[in-house]
Amino acid sequence: MRQTHHSYSHWELLQRARAVDNQCFVLTASPARTPEQDGNQKSKYKHYTAWGHSTVVNPWGEVVGTCGEEESLVVVDLDMERVTKMREGIPTMKQKRNDLYNVLDVKERA
């Protein structure tokens, strides 16, 4: 049984989550969809079929540009002021609690 569920079901969801988590635009590029191979055909990626659907998501997790499974180009104007406003409105990056934990540089431990 081929494991393709993740590609189809989670592609957009994961992009939207990363945009909201990081309060930024997320741009993902995917190869155009490749034809599925039957058991008799040789394929470079015999267990993987590209999903396509390159996508752009804004900091609120809204899809602002996407394409289908065919070879395409997605063009979107990114308003970087939206990132600034999002981060000012919900300042999660300023909520680090140094009194509760320390983040050590890996080089310090070596």
C-alpha atoms as a PDB file:
ATOM      1  CA  MET A   1       0.000   0.000   0.000  1.00  0.00           C
ATOM      2  CA  ARG A   2       1.381   3.408  -0.999  1.00  0.00           C
ATOM      3  CA  GLN A   3       1.758   6.071   1.669  1.00  0.00           C
ATOM      4  CA  THR A   4       0.369   9.154  -0.088  1.00  0.00           C
ATOM      5  CA  HIS A   5      -2.153  10.281   2.526  1.00  0.00           C
ATOM      6  CA  HIS A   6       0.250  12.801   4.066  1.00  0.00           C
ATOM      7  CA  SER A   7       0.951  14.565   0.778  1.00  0.00           C
ATOM      8  CA  TYR A   8      -2.653  15.071  -0.119  1.00  0.00           C
ATOM      9  CA  SER A   9      -4.257  15.720   3.241  1.00  0.00           C
ATOM     10  CA  HIS A  10      -1.637  17.723   5.065  1.00  0.00           C
ATOM     11  CA  TRP A  11       0.204  19.770   2.440  1.00  0.00           C
ATOM     12  CA  GLU A  12      -1.856  22.952   2.891  1.00  0.00           C
ATOM     13  CA  LEU A  13      -2.540  22.398   6.586  1.00  0.00           C
ATOM     14  CA  LEU A  14       1.176  22.201   7.442  1.00  0.00           C
ATOM     15  CA  GLN A  15       1.932  25.368   5.472  1.00  0.00           C
ATOM     16  CA  ARG A  16      -0.856  27.277   7.197  1.00  0.00           C
ATOM     17  CA  ALA A  17       0.302  26.089  10.611  1.00  0.00           C
ATOM     18  CA  ARG A  18       3.906  27.189   9.968  1.00  0.00           C
ATOM     19  CA  ALA A  19       2.713  30.624   8.824  1.00  0.00           C
ATOM     20  CA  VAL A  20       0.655  31.131  11.989  1.00  0.00           C
ATOM     21  CA  ASP A  21       3.330  29.638  14.272  1.00  0.00           C
ATOM     22  CA  ASN A  22       6.031  31.921  12.916  1.00  0.00           C
ATOM     23  CA  GLN A  23       3.827  34.915  12.070  1.00  0.00           C
ATOM     24  CA  CYS A  24       5.249  35.151   8.574  1.00  0.00           C
ATOM     25  CA  PHE A  25       4.540  34.373   4.963  1.00  0.00           C
ATOM     26  CA  VAL A  26       5.222  30.766   4.008  1.00  0.00           C
ATOM     27  CA  LEU A  27       6.032  29.899   0.404  1.00  0.00           C
ATOM     28  CA  THR A  28       6.239  26.272  -0.612  1.00  0.00           C
ATOM     29  CA  ALA A  29       7.367  24.899  -3.922  1.00  0.00           C
ATOM     30  CA  SER A  30       6.463  21.430  -5.100  1.00  0.00           C
ATOM     31  CA  PRO A  31       7.320  19.652  -8.310  1.00  0.00           C
ATOM     32  CA  ALA A  32       4.463  19.228 -10.753  1.00  0.00           C
ATOM     33  CA  ARG A  33       2.483  16.071 -10.155  1.00  0.00           C
ATOM     34  CA  THR A  34       4.164  13.041 -11.606  1.00  0.00           C
ATOM     35  CA  PRO A  35       2.181  10.165 -13.045  1.00  0.00           C
ATOM     36  CA  GLU A  36       1.801   7.209 -10.730  1.00  0.00           C
ATOM     37  CA  GLN A  37       3.899   4.245 -11.748  1.00  0.00           C
ATOM     38  CA  ASP A  38       2.550   0.757 -12.124  1.00  0.00           C
ATOM     39  CA  GLY A  39       4.585  -2.229 -11.037  1.00  0.00           C
ATOM     40  CA  ASN A  40       6.172  -2.715 -14.466  1.00  0.00           C
ATOM     41  CA  GLN A  41       7.558   0.801 -14.948  1.00  0.00           C
ATOM     42  CA  LYS A  42      10.907   1.996 -13.684  1.00  0.00           C
ATOM     43  CA  SER A  43      10.829   5.299 -11.856  1.00  0.00           C
ATOM     44  CA  LYS A  44      13.444   7.359 -10.086  1.00  0.00           C
ATOM     45  CA  TYR A  45      11.005   7.762  -7.167  1.00  0.00           C
ATOM     46  CA  LYS A  46       8.995   4.562  -7.216  1.00  0.00           C
ATOM     47  CA  HIS A  47       7.367   5.208  -3.827  1.00  0.00           C
ATOM     48  CA  TYR A  48       6.715   8.932  -4.215  1.00  0.00           C
ATOM     49  CA  THR A  49       4.329  10.864  -6.395  1.00  0.00           C
ATOM     50  CA  ALA A  50       4.675  14.657  -6.244  1.00  0.00           C
ATOM     51  CA  TRP A  51       1.518  16.468  -5.210  1.00  0.00           C
ATOM     52  CA  GLY A  52       2.122  19.788  -6.946  1.00  0.00           C
ATOM     53  CA  HIS A  53       0.100  22.698  -5.547  1.00  0.00           C
ATOM     54  CA  SER A  54       2.886  25.174  -4.770  1.00  0.00           C
ATOM     55  CA  THR A  55       1.351  27.659  -2.340  1.00  0.00           C
ATOM     56  CA  VAL A  56       1.765  31.022  -0.598  1.00  0.00           C
ATOM     57  CA  VAL A  57       0.221  31.522   2.857  1.00  0.00           C
ATOM     58  CA  ASN A  58       0.029  34.820   4.763  1.00  0.00           C
ATOM     59  CA  PRO A  59       0.777  35.280   8.502  1.00  0.00           C
ATOM     60  CA  TRP A  60      -2.898  34.693   9.382  1.00  0.00           C
ATOM     61  CA  GLY A  61      -2.775  31.274   7.740  1.00  0.00           C
ATOM     62  CA  GLU A  62      -4.794  32.293   4.693  1.00  0.00           C
ATOM     63  CA  VAL A  63      -3.823  30.877   1.306  1.00  0.00           C
ATOM     64  CA  VAL A  64      -3.125  33.897  -0.914  1.00  0.00           C
ATOM     65  CA  GLY A  65      -1.718  32.068  -3.918  1.00  0.00           C
ATOM     66  CA  THR A  66      -1.663  28.510  -5.175  1.00  0.00           C
ATOM     67  CA  CYS A  67      -1.718  26.423  -8.311  1.00  0.00           C
ATOM     68  CA  GLY A  68      -2.852  23.005  -9.327  1.00  0.00           C
ATOM     69  CA  GLU A  69      -0.874  19.861  -9.890  1.00  0.00           C
ATOM     70  CA  GLU A  70       0.461  20.870 -13.310  1.00  0.00           C
ATOM     71  CA  GLU A  71       3.684  22.780 -13.952  1.00  0.00           C
ATOM     72  CA  SER A  72       2.864  26.366 -12.929  1.00  0.00           C
ATOM     73  CA  LEU A  73       4.204  29.625 -11.626  1.00  0.00           C
ATOM     74  CA  VAL A  74       2.641  31.295  -8.567  1.00  0.00           C
ATOM     75  CA  VAL A  75       3.091  35.082  -8.407  1.00  0.00           C
ATOM     76  CA  VAL A  76       1.959  36.968  -5.298  1.00  0.00           C
ATOM     77  CA  ASP A  77       2.785  40.451  -3.972  1.00  0.00           C
ATOM     78  CA  LEU A  78       3.901  40.047  -0.345  1.00  0.00           C
ATOM     79  CA  ASP A  79       2.928  42.904   1.941  1.00  0.00           C
ATOM     80  CA  MET A  80       5.663  42.648   4.553  1.00  0.00           C
ATOM     81  CA  GLU A  81       3.859  45.250   6.663  1.00  0.00           C
ATOM     82  CA  ARG A  82       1.368  42.479   7.481  1.00  0.00           C
ATOM     83  CA  VAL A  83       4.164  40.560   9.193  1.00  0.00           C
ATOM     84  CA  THR A  84       5.074  43.608  11.284  1.00  0.00           C
ATOM     85  CA  LYS A  85       1.441  44.258  12.243  1.00  0.00           C
ATOM     86  CA  MET A  86       0.876  40.599  13.098  1.00  0.00           C
ATOM     87  CA  ARG A  87       3.948  40.474  15.329  1.00  0.00           C
ATOM     88  CA  GLU A  88       3.013  43.736  17.049  1.00  0.00           C
ATOM     89  CA  GLY A  89      -0.578  42.602  17.588  1.00  0.00           C
ATOM     90  CA  ILE A  90       0.345  39.182  18.959  1.00  0.00           C
ATOM     91  CA  PRO A  91       3.918  39.557  20.314  1.00  0.00           C
ATOM     92  CA  THR A  92       4.687  35.860  20.856  1.00  0.00           C
ATOM     93  CA  MET A  93       8.365  36.316  20.056  1.00  0.00           C
ATOM     94  CA  LYS A  94       8.711  38.672  23.037  1.00  0.00           C
ATOM     95  CA  GLN A  95       7.218  36.205  25.503  1.00  0.00           C
ATOM     96  CA  LYS A  96      10.321  34.109  26.111  1.00  0.00           C
ATOM     97  CA  ARG A  97      10.728  33.335  29.837  1.00  0.00           C
ATOM     98  CA  ASN A  98      14.466  33.374  30.570  1.00  0.00           C
ATOM     99  CA  ASP A  99      13.619  33.057  34.270  1.00  0.00           C
ATOM    100  CA  LEU A 100      12.214  29.572  33.635  1.00  0.00           C
ATOM    101  CA  TYR A 101      14.783  28.110  31.252  1.00  0.00           C
ATOM    102  CA  ASN A 102      17.984  28.885  29.389  1.00  0.00           C
ATOM    103  CA  VAL A 103      18.617  28.208  25.751  1.00  0.00           C
ATOM    104  CA  LEU A 104      22.226  27.164  25.330  1.00  0.00           C
ATOM    105  CA  ASP A 105      24.245  27.530  22.183  1.00  0.00           C
ATOM    106  CA  VAL A 106      25.401  24.075  21.063  1.00  0.00           C
ATOM    107  CA  LYS A 107      28.951  25.429  20.726  1.00  0.00           C
ATOM    108  CA  GLU A 108      28.983  26.263  24.450  1.00  0.00           C
ATOM    109  CA  ARG A 109      28.452  22.609  25.385  1.00  0.00           C
ATOM    110  CA  ALA A 110      31.246  21.251  23.202  1.00  0.00           C
END
